[in-house]
Amino acid sequence: MWKLVVGVLLAAGSSLGSASVFYSSRDANQVLRIQKRANSFLEELKAGSVERECIQETCDFEEASEIFETREATLNFWSKYVDGDQCDPQPCSNGICKDNIGKFSCICNKGWEGFLCNYEVKYTNCSVSNGGCEHFCSDDPSKQQRSCSCASGYQLMDDHTTCQPVVEFPCGRVKMDYSESEVGFKIRLIEGKTGRRGISPWQIMLQNTKGKFLCGGVLIHPSWVLTAAHCIEAEQGLKVRLG
């Protein structure tokens, strides 16, 4: 019986001898083709993860943070992945653009300022002309520069110096529907007009203890009033009325 089995195997072997069980090198190269990259081993894994998790499929921020090593790198990728690159084309005239989600910011080169870095710096401190600021000026000696800000109800414009109202009645503008003149009050301005009550909240009226008008002045701080020296020389008690 075993002679018959050997004979069958020999016959099968002789019939297959002319056909190889392996591909030729040429055919094998057509099946197995590997794209080589110049990146390191870790970079190869990272690129593959980004493509697999965020390009072939939609990834969330947590999945993206698992791919990148730092939060900064994750945010840099995420800001472009969510809504595209806000810095393309380059919007900053004289500075570096930083992409954010739905917006961008410009880091200006020295000597330039403004939202798009397209205004030349004319003031470096607040000592001259309030630093060019329309409202408030703050010095930063460490950076040898100044920054402008606005009162409540105003928004700093793109030039980073002027302020624009963003509400109907911002700070310093009071809506009043009437005006009144006090009995016995004499207007001292030539061709002046009686203002509505509260129309000028920075203006003050100094009165004596009996409520009689003495002098005018200006509110320069929540606790300080600027007025003429002779107005307070002989008075023991004063009242301040705003507006």
C-alpha atoms as a PDB file:
ATOM      1  CA  MET A   1       0.000   0.000   0.000  1.00  0.00           C
ATOM      2  CA  TRP A   2       2.800   2.450   0.884  1.00  0.00           C
ATOM      3  CA  LYS A   3       4.377   1.840  -2.532  1.00  0.00           C
ATOM      4  CA  LEU A   4       1.132   3.081  -4.108  1.00  0.00           C
ATOM      5  CA  VAL A   5       1.162   6.289  -1.991  1.00  0.00           C
ATOM      6  CA  VAL A   6       4.772   7.042  -2.889  1.00  0.00           C
ATOM      7  CA  GLY A   7       3.971   6.481  -6.519  1.00  0.00           C
ATOM      8  CA  VAL A   8       1.083   8.947  -6.395  1.00  0.00           C
ATOM      9  CA  LEU A   9       3.273  11.616  -4.715  1.00  0.00           C
ATOM     10  CA  LEU A  10       6.034  11.134  -7.253  1.00  0.00           C
ATOM     11  CA  ALA A  11       3.536  11.454 -10.066  1.00  0.00           C
ATOM     12  CA  ALA A  12       2.098  14.659  -8.565  1.00  0.00           C
ATOM     13  CA  GLY A  13       5.568  16.063  -8.024  1.00  0.00           C
ATOM     14  CA  SER A  14       6.592  15.367 -11.591  1.00  0.00           C
ATOM     15  CA  SER A  15       3.428  17.071 -12.921  1.00  0.00           C
ATOM     16  CA  LEU A  16       4.040  20.256 -10.839  1.00  0.00           C
ATOM     17  CA  GLY A  17       7.737  20.422 -11.434  1.00  0.00           C
ATOM     18  CA  SER A  18       7.343  22.782 -14.354  1.00  0.00           C
ATOM     19  CA  ALA A  19       5.251  25.361 -12.335  1.00  0.00           C
ATOM     20  CA  SER A  20       7.013  27.337  -9.494  1.00  0.00           C
ATOM     21  CA  VAL A  21       5.122  28.084  -6.257  1.00  0.00           C
ATOM     22  CA  PHE A  22       6.963  31.467  -5.877  1.00  0.00           C
ATOM     23  CA  TYR A  23       6.443  34.768  -7.731  1.00  0.00           C
ATOM     24  CA  SER A  24       9.295  36.063  -9.788  1.00  0.00           C
ATOM     25  CA  SER A  25      11.087  39.146  -8.393  1.00  0.00           C
ATOM     26  CA  ARG A  26       9.407  41.328 -11.008  1.00  0.00           C
ATOM     27  CA  ASP A  27       5.916  40.084 -10.139  1.00  0.00           C
ATOM     28  CA  ALA A  28       6.598  40.348  -6.419  1.00  0.00           C
ATOM     29  CA  ASN A  29       7.573  44.024  -6.757  1.00  0.00           C
ATOM     30  CA  GLN A  30       4.222  44.713  -8.398  1.00  0.00           C
ATOM     31  CA  VAL A  31       2.423  43.315  -5.342  1.00  0.00           C
ATOM     32  CA  LEU A  32       4.628  44.661  -2.527  1.00  0.00           C
ATOM     33  CA  ARG A  33       5.523  48.285  -3.064  1.00  0.00           C
ATOM     34  CA  ILE A  34       6.509  50.325   0.041  1.00  0.00           C
ATOM     35  CA  GLN A  35       6.716  54.113  -0.025  1.00  0.00           C
ATOM     36  CA  LYS A  36       9.823  55.194   1.865  1.00  0.00           C
ATOM     37  CA  ARG A  37       9.823  58.432   3.869  1.00  0.00           C
ATOM     38  CA  ALA A  38      12.716  60.512   5.109  1.00  0.00           C
ATOM     39  CA  ASN A  39      11.039  61.055   8.477  1.00  0.00           C
ATOM     40  CA  SER A  40      12.036  59.322  11.667  1.00  0.00           C
ATOM     41  CA  PHE A  41      10.225  56.299  13.049  1.00  0.00           C
ATOM     42  CA  LEU A  42       8.127  58.393  15.468  1.00  0.00           C
ATOM     43  CA  GLU A  43       7.219  60.885  12.757  1.00  0.00           C
ATOM     44  CA  GLU A  44       6.057  58.018  10.572  1.00  0.00           C
ATOM     45  CA  LEU A  45       3.729  56.843  13.317  1.00  0.00           C
ATOM     46  CA  LYS A  46       2.424  60.367  13.966  1.00  0.00           C
ATOM     47  CA  ALA A  47       1.698  61.121  10.301  1.00  0.00           C
ATOM     48  CA  GLY A  48      -0.084  57.814   9.958  1.00  0.00           C
ATOM     49  CA  SER A  49      -2.198  58.562  13.032  1.00  0.00           C
ATOM     50  CA  VAL A  50      -3.201  62.015  11.769  1.00  0.00           C
ATOM     51  CA  GLU A  51      -4.223  60.635   8.402  1.00  0.00           C
ATOM     52  CA  ARG A  52      -6.070  57.705   9.924  1.00  0.00           C
ATOM     53  CA  GLU A  53      -7.801  59.568  12.762  1.00  0.00           C
ATOM     54  CA  CYS A  54      -8.402  63.046  11.323  1.00  0.00           C
ATOM     55  CA  ILE A  55      -8.266  62.850   7.515  1.00  0.00           C
ATOM     56  CA  GLN A  56      -9.766  59.488   6.639  1.00  0.00           C
ATOM     57  CA  GLU A  57     -12.185  60.008   9.532  1.00  0.00           C
ATOM     58  CA  THR A  58     -13.321  62.998  11.593  1.00  0.00           C
ATOM     59  CA  CYS A  59     -11.468  63.396  14.876  1.00  0.00           C
ATOM     60  CA  ASP A  60     -12.244  65.451  17.965  1.00  0.00           C
ATOM     61  CA  PHE A  61      -9.863  67.579  20.025  1.00  0.00           C
ATOM     62  CA  GLU A  62      -9.152  64.778  22.502  1.00  0.00           C
ATOM     63  CA  GLU A  63      -8.140  62.399  19.716  1.00  0.00           C
ATOM     64  CA  ALA A  64      -5.940  65.066  18.162  1.00  0.00           C
ATOM     65  CA  SER A  65      -4.264  65.761  21.519  1.00  0.00           C
ATOM     66  CA  GLU A  66      -3.314  62.067  21.780  1.00  0.00           C
ATOM     67  CA  ILE A  67      -1.421  62.320  18.487  1.00  0.00           C
ATOM     68  CA  PHE A  68       0.615  65.444  19.281  1.00  0.00           C
ATOM     69  CA  GLU A  69       2.968  65.657  22.233  1.00  0.00           C
ATOM     70  CA  THR A  70       2.196  69.198  23.422  1.00  0.00           C
ATOM     71  CA  ARG A  71      -0.917  71.330  23.790  1.00  0.00           C
ATOM     72  CA  GLU A  72       0.662  74.055  21.662  1.00  0.00           C
ATOM     73  CA  ALA A  73       1.208  71.631  18.770  1.00  0.00           C
ATOM     74  CA  THR A  74      -2.339  70.316  19.168  1.00  0.00           C
ATOM     75  CA  LEU A  75      -3.846  73.818  19.094  1.00  0.00           C
ATOM     76  CA  ASN A  76      -1.736  74.727  16.071  1.00  0.00           C
ATOM     77  CA  PHE A  77      -3.122  71.716  14.170  1.00  0.00           C
ATOM     78  CA  TRP A  78      -6.669  72.077  15.519  1.00  0.00           C
ATOM     79  CA  SER A  79      -7.077  75.752  14.550  1.00  0.00           C
ATOM     80  CA  LYS A  80      -6.382  74.875  10.905  1.00  0.00           C
ATOM     81  CA  TYR A  81      -8.277  71.573  10.975  1.00  0.00           C
ATOM     82  CA  VAL A  82     -11.547  73.100  12.255  1.00  0.00           C
ATOM     83  CA  ASP A  83     -11.944  76.160  10.022  1.00  0.00           C
ATOM     84  CA  GLY A  84      -8.900  76.431   7.780  1.00  0.00           C
ATOM     85  CA  ASP A  85      -5.858  78.670   8.031  1.00  0.00           C
ATOM     86  CA  GLN A  86      -6.891  82.255   8.835  1.00  0.00           C
ATOM     87  CA  CYS A  87      -3.333  83.378   8.062  1.00  0.00           C
ATOM     88  CA  ASP A  88      -3.484  82.326   4.405  1.00  0.00           C
ATOM     89  CA  PRO A  89      -3.151  84.714   2.696  1.00  0.00           C
ATOM     90  CA  GLN A  90      -0.980  86.693   5.119  1.00  0.00           C
ATOM     91  CA  PRO A  91      -3.160  89.480   6.616  1.00  0.00           C
ATOM     92  CA  CYS A  92      -0.505  91.179   8.782  1.00  0.00           C
ATOM     93  CA  SER A  93       1.300  94.032   7.036  1.00  0.00           C
ATOM     94  CA  ASN A  94       4.360  94.249   9.278  1.00  0.00           C
ATOM     95  CA  GLY A  95       4.239  91.290  11.622  1.00  0.00           C
ATOM     96  CA  ILE A  96       3.646  87.585  12.149  1.00  0.00           C
ATOM     97  CA  CYS A  97       0.161  86.088  11.903  1.00  0.00           C
ATOM     98  CA  LYS A  98      -1.081  83.667  14.572  1.00  0.00           C
ATOM     99  CA  ASP A  99      -3.991  81.471  13.490  1.00  0.00           C
ATOM    100  CA  ASN A 100      -6.900  80.891  15.861  1.00  0.00           C
ATOM    101  CA  ILE A 101     -10.324  79.282  15.569  1.00  0.00           C
ATOM    102  CA  GLY A 102     -12.516  81.703  13.658  1.00  0.00           C
ATOM    103  CA  LYS A 103     -10.024  84.552  13.984  1.00  0.00           C
ATOM    104  CA  PHE A 104      -6.376  85.514  13.873  1.00  0.00           C
ATOM    105  CA  SER A 105      -4.026  87.892  15.648  1.00  0.00           C
ATOM    106  CA  CYS A 106      -0.942  89.778  14.494  1.00  0.00           C
ATOM    107  CA  ILE A 107       2.318  89.976  16.434  1.00  0.00           C
ATOM    108  CA  CYS A 108       3.727  93.274  15.184  1.00  0.00           C
ATOM    109  CA  ASN A 109       7.346  93.955  14.377  1.00  0.00           C
ATOM    110  CA  LYS A 110       9.065  96.674  16.400  1.00  0.00           C
ATOM    111  CA  GLY A 111       7.874 100.119  15.377  1.00  0.00           C
ATOM    112  CA  TRP A 112       4.443  98.996  14.171  1.00  0.00           C
ATOM    113  CA  GLU A 113       1.052  98.681  15.845  1.00  0.00           C
ATOM    114  CA  GLY A 114      -2.626  98.193  15.076  1.00  0.00           C
ATOM    115  CA  PHE A 115      -4.729  95.093  14.482  1.00  0.00           C
ATOM    116  CA  LEU A 116      -2.983  94.427  11.148  1.00  0.00           C
ATOM    117  CA  CYS A 117       0.349  96.044  12.145  1.00  0.00           C
ATOM    118  CA  ASN A 118      -0.186  98.729   9.510  1.00  0.00           C
ATOM    119  CA  TYR A 119       0.225 101.817  11.715  1.00  0.00           C
ATOM    120  CA  GLU A 120       3.651 103.199  12.517  1.00  0.00           C
ATOM    121  CA  VAL A 121       4.265 103.731  16.240  1.00  0.00           C
ATOM    122  CA  LYS A 122       4.460 107.450  17.036  1.00  0.00           C
ATOM    123  CA  TYR A 123       4.395 107.251  20.835  1.00  0.00           C
ATOM    124  CA  THR A 124       6.262 104.879  23.146  1.00  0.00           C
ATOM    125  CA  ASN A 125       4.940 106.241  26.464  1.00  0.00           C
ATOM    126  CA  CYS A 126       2.012 108.179  27.909  1.00  0.00           C
ATOM    127  CA  SER A 127       3.907 111.339  28.888  1.00  0.00           C
ATOM    128  CA  VAL A 128       3.274 113.132  25.573  1.00  0.00           C
ATOM    129  CA  SER A 129      -0.256 113.700  24.209  1.00  0.00           C
ATOM    130  CA  ASN A 130      -1.596 110.839  26.342  1.00  0.00           C
ATOM    131  CA  GLY A 131       0.444 108.456  24.194  1.00  0.00           C
ATOM    132  CA  GLY A 132      -1.806 109.213  21.234  1.00  0.00           C
ATOM    133  CA  CYS A 133      -4.649 107.353  22.975  1.00  0.00           C
ATOM    134  CA  GLU A 134      -8.145 108.776  22.704  1.00  0.00           C
ATOM    135  CA  HIS A 135      -9.196 107.501  26.162  1.00  0.00           C
ATOM    136  CA  PHE A 136      -6.752 105.743  28.497  1.00  0.00           C
ATOM    137  CA  CYS A 137      -3.012 105.148  28.185  1.00  0.00           C
ATOM    138  CA  SER A 138      -0.904 102.624  30.136  1.00  0.00           C
ATOM    139  CA  ASP A 139       2.894 102.463  30.174  1.00  0.00           C
ATOM    140  CA  ASP A 140       4.833  99.204  30.001  1.00  0.00           C
ATOM    141  CA  PRO A 141       8.451 100.119  30.867  1.00  0.00           C
ATOM    142  CA  SER A 142       9.677  96.526  30.512  1.00  0.00           C
ATOM    143  CA  LYS A 143       8.703  96.514  26.826  1.00  0.00           C
ATOM    144  CA  GLN A 144       9.328 100.247  26.329  1.00  0.00           C
ATOM    145  CA  GLN A 145       5.880 100.725  24.884  1.00  0.00           C
ATOM    146  CA  ARG A 146       2.438 101.973  25.809  1.00  0.00           C
ATOM    147  CA  SER A 147      -1.022 100.510  25.252  1.00  0.00           C
ATOM    148  CA  CYS A 148      -4.389 102.212  24.806  1.00  0.00           C
ATOM    149  CA  SER A 149      -7.748 101.191  26.243  1.00  0.00           C
ATOM    150  CA  CYS A 150     -11.296 102.537  26.190  1.00  0.00           C
ATOM    151  CA  ALA A 151     -13.977 103.448  28.695  1.00  0.00           C
ATOM    152  CA  SER A 152     -16.948 101.180  29.301  1.00  0.00           C
ATOM    153  CA  GLY A 153     -19.277 101.126  26.313  1.00  0.00           C
ATOM    154  CA  TYR A 154     -16.499 101.778  23.790  1.00  0.00           C
ATOM    155  CA  GLN A 155     -14.378  99.466  21.661  1.00  0.00           C
ATOM    156  CA  LEU A 156     -10.732  99.931  20.695  1.00  0.00           C
ATOM    157  CA  MET A 157     -10.479 100.346  16.934  1.00  0.00           C
ATOM    158  CA  ASP A 158      -8.061  98.640  14.546  1.00  0.00           C
ATOM    159  CA  ASP A 159      -5.485 101.416  14.953  1.00  0.00           C
ATOM    160  CA  HIS A 160      -5.354 100.533  18.683  1.00  0.00           C
ATOM    161  CA  THR A 161      -5.590 104.230  19.650  1.00  0.00           C
ATOM    162  CA  THR A 162      -9.128 105.478  18.914  1.00  0.00           C
ATOM    163  CA  CYS A 163     -12.365 104.352  20.572  1.00  0.00           C
ATOM    164  CA  GLN A 164     -15.767 103.740  18.986  1.00  0.00           C
ATOM    165  CA  PRO A 165     -19.092 103.487  20.891  1.00  0.00           C
ATOM    166  CA  VAL A 166     -20.593  99.989  20.799  1.00  0.00           C
ATOM    167  CA  VAL A 167     -23.784 100.754  22.754  1.00  0.00           C
ATOM    168  CA  GLU A 168     -26.412 103.436  22.274  1.00  0.00           C
ATOM    169  CA  PHE A 169     -25.476 105.370  25.395  1.00  0.00           C
ATOM    170  CA  PRO A 170     -21.858 104.606  26.382  1.00  0.00           C
ATOM    171  CA  CYS A 171     -19.942 106.073  29.313  1.00  0.00           C
ATOM    172  CA  GLY A 172     -20.036 109.886  29.167  1.00  0.00           C
ATOM    173  CA  ARG A 173     -23.211 110.079  27.078  1.00  0.00           C
ATOM    174  CA  VAL A 174     -26.429 110.237  29.051  1.00  0.00           C
ATOM    175  CA  LYS A 175     -29.881 110.258  27.459  1.00  0.00           C
ATOM    176  CA  MET A 176     -32.060 113.006  28.902  1.00  0.00           C
ATOM    177  CA  ASP A 177     -35.418 114.139  27.568  1.00  0.00           C
ATOM    178  CA  TYR A 178     -35.599 117.520  29.276  1.00  0.00           C
ATOM    179  CA  SER A 179     -33.556 120.516  30.328  1.00  0.00           C
ATOM    180  CA  GLU A 180     -34.111 122.906  33.174  1.00  0.00           C
ATOM    181  CA  SER A 181     -32.680 126.191  34.397  1.00  0.00           C
ATOM    182  CA  GLU A 182     -32.462 126.781  38.097  1.00  0.00           C
ATOM    183  CA  VAL A 183     -34.119 129.907  39.442  1.00  0.00           C
ATOM    184  CA  GLY A 184     -31.589 132.706  39.886  1.00  0.00           C
ATOM    185  CA  PHE A 185     -28.838 130.809  38.034  1.00  0.00           C
ATOM    186  CA  LYS A 186     -26.943 133.097  35.661  1.00  0.00           C
ATOM    187  CA  ILE A 187     -25.319 131.613  32.566  1.00  0.00           C
ATOM    188  CA  ARG A 188     -21.764 132.939  32.330  1.00  0.00           C
ATOM    189  CA  LEU A 189     -20.913 131.646  28.854  1.00  0.00           C
ATOM    190  CA  ILE A 190     -21.537 133.989  25.942  1.00  0.00           C
ATOM    191  CA  GLU A 191     -23.970 132.384  23.490  1.00  0.00           C
ATOM    192  CA  GLY A 192     -24.003 129.316  25.718  1.00  0.00           C
ATOM    193  CA  LYS A 193     -26.916 126.935  25.958  1.00  0.00           C
ATOM    194  CA  THR A 194     -28.492 125.386  29.007  1.00  0.00           C
ATOM    195  CA  GLY A 195     -27.567 121.709  29.024  1.00  0.00           C
ATOM    196  CA  ARG A 196     -29.837 118.868  29.987  1.00  0.00           C
ATOM    197  CA  ARG A 197     -29.388 117.473  33.462  1.00  0.00           C
ATOM    198  CA  GLY A 198     -26.703 114.795  33.433  1.00  0.00           C
ATOM    199  CA  ILE A 199     -25.514 115.578  29.901  1.00  0.00           C
ATOM    200  CA  SER A 200     -21.942 116.197  31.124  1.00  0.00           C
ATOM    201  CA  PRO A 201     -21.210 113.791  33.991  1.00  0.00           C
ATOM    202  CA  TRP A 202     -17.561 114.865  34.149  1.00  0.00           C
ATOM    203  CA  GLN A 203     -18.528 118.489  34.918  1.00  0.00           C
ATOM    204  CA  ILE A 204     -19.051 119.426  38.574  1.00  0.00           C
ATOM    205  CA  MET A 205     -20.583 122.345  40.447  1.00  0.00           C
ATOM    206  CA  LEU A 206     -19.168 123.421  43.793  1.00  0.00           C
ATOM    207  CA  GLN A 207     -21.731 124.673  46.322  1.00  0.00           C
ATOM    208  CA  ASN A 208     -21.410 126.003  49.839  1.00  0.00           C
ATOM    209  CA  THR A 209     -23.204 124.455  52.798  1.00  0.00           C
ATOM    210  CA  LYS A 210     -26.344 126.428  51.921  1.00  0.00           C
ATOM    211  CA  GLY A 211     -26.415 125.065  48.385  1.00  0.00           C
ATOM    212  CA  LYS A 212     -25.261 128.296  46.747  1.00  0.00           C
ATOM    213  CA  PHE A 213     -23.201 128.020  43.562  1.00  0.00           C
ATOM    214  CA  LEU A 214     -19.509 128.850  43.991  1.00  0.00           C
ATOM    215  CA  CYS A 215     -17.428 127.484  41.113  1.00  0.00           C
ATOM    216  CA  GLY A 216     -17.266 124.899  38.406  1.00  0.00           C
ATOM    217  CA  GLY A 217     -14.791 122.065  38.054  1.00  0.00           C
ATOM    218  CA  VAL A 218     -13.963 118.766  36.412  1.00  0.00           C
ATOM    219  CA  LEU A 219     -14.092 115.242  37.809  1.00  0.00           C
ATOM    220  CA  ILE A 220     -10.652 113.709  37.134  1.00  0.00           C
ATOM    221  CA  HIS A 221     -10.946 110.680  39.453  1.00  0.00           C
ATOM    222  CA  PRO A 222     -13.777 109.046  41.429  1.00  0.00           C
ATOM    223  CA  SER A 223     -12.393 110.841  44.514  1.00  0.00           C
ATOM    224  CA  TRP A 224     -10.746 113.938  42.999  1.00  0.00           C
ATOM    225  CA  VAL A 225     -12.089 117.198  41.540  1.00  0.00           C
ATOM    226  CA  LEU A 226     -10.075 119.835  39.682  1.00  0.00           C
ATOM    227  CA  THR A 227     -11.137 123.445  40.297  1.00  0.00           C
ATOM    228  CA  ALA A 228      -9.654 126.920  40.845  1.00  0.00           C
ATOM    229  CA  ALA A 229      -7.729 127.550  44.062  1.00  0.00           C
ATOM    230  CA  HIS A 230      -9.694 130.659  45.050  1.00  0.00           C
ATOM    231  CA  CYS A 231     -12.912 128.603  45.121  1.00  0.00           C
ATOM    232  CA  ILE A 232     -11.892 126.705  48.239  1.00  0.00           C
ATOM    233  CA  GLU A 233      -9.773 129.213  50.153  1.00  0.00           C
ATOM    234  CA  ALA A 234     -12.501 130.752  52.308  1.00  0.00           C
ATOM    235  CA  GLU A 235     -14.995 127.900  52.468  1.00  0.00           C
ATOM    236  CA  GLN A 236     -15.234 125.550  55.423  1.00  0.00           C
ATOM    237  CA  GLY A 237     -17.564 123.053  53.811  1.00  0.00           C
ATOM    238  CA  LEU A 238     -18.305 122.260  50.183  1.00  0.00           C
ATOM    239  CA  LYS A 239     -20.818 120.212  48.264  1.00  0.00           C
ATOM    240  CA  VAL A 240     -20.078 118.702  44.860  1.00  0.00           C
ATOM    241  CA  ARG A 241     -22.808 118.235  42.302  1.00  0.00           C
ATOM    242  CA  LEU A 242     -22.099 116.185  39.175  1.00  0.00           C
ATOM    243  CA  GLY A 243     -23.459 116.654  35.676  1.00  0.00           C
END
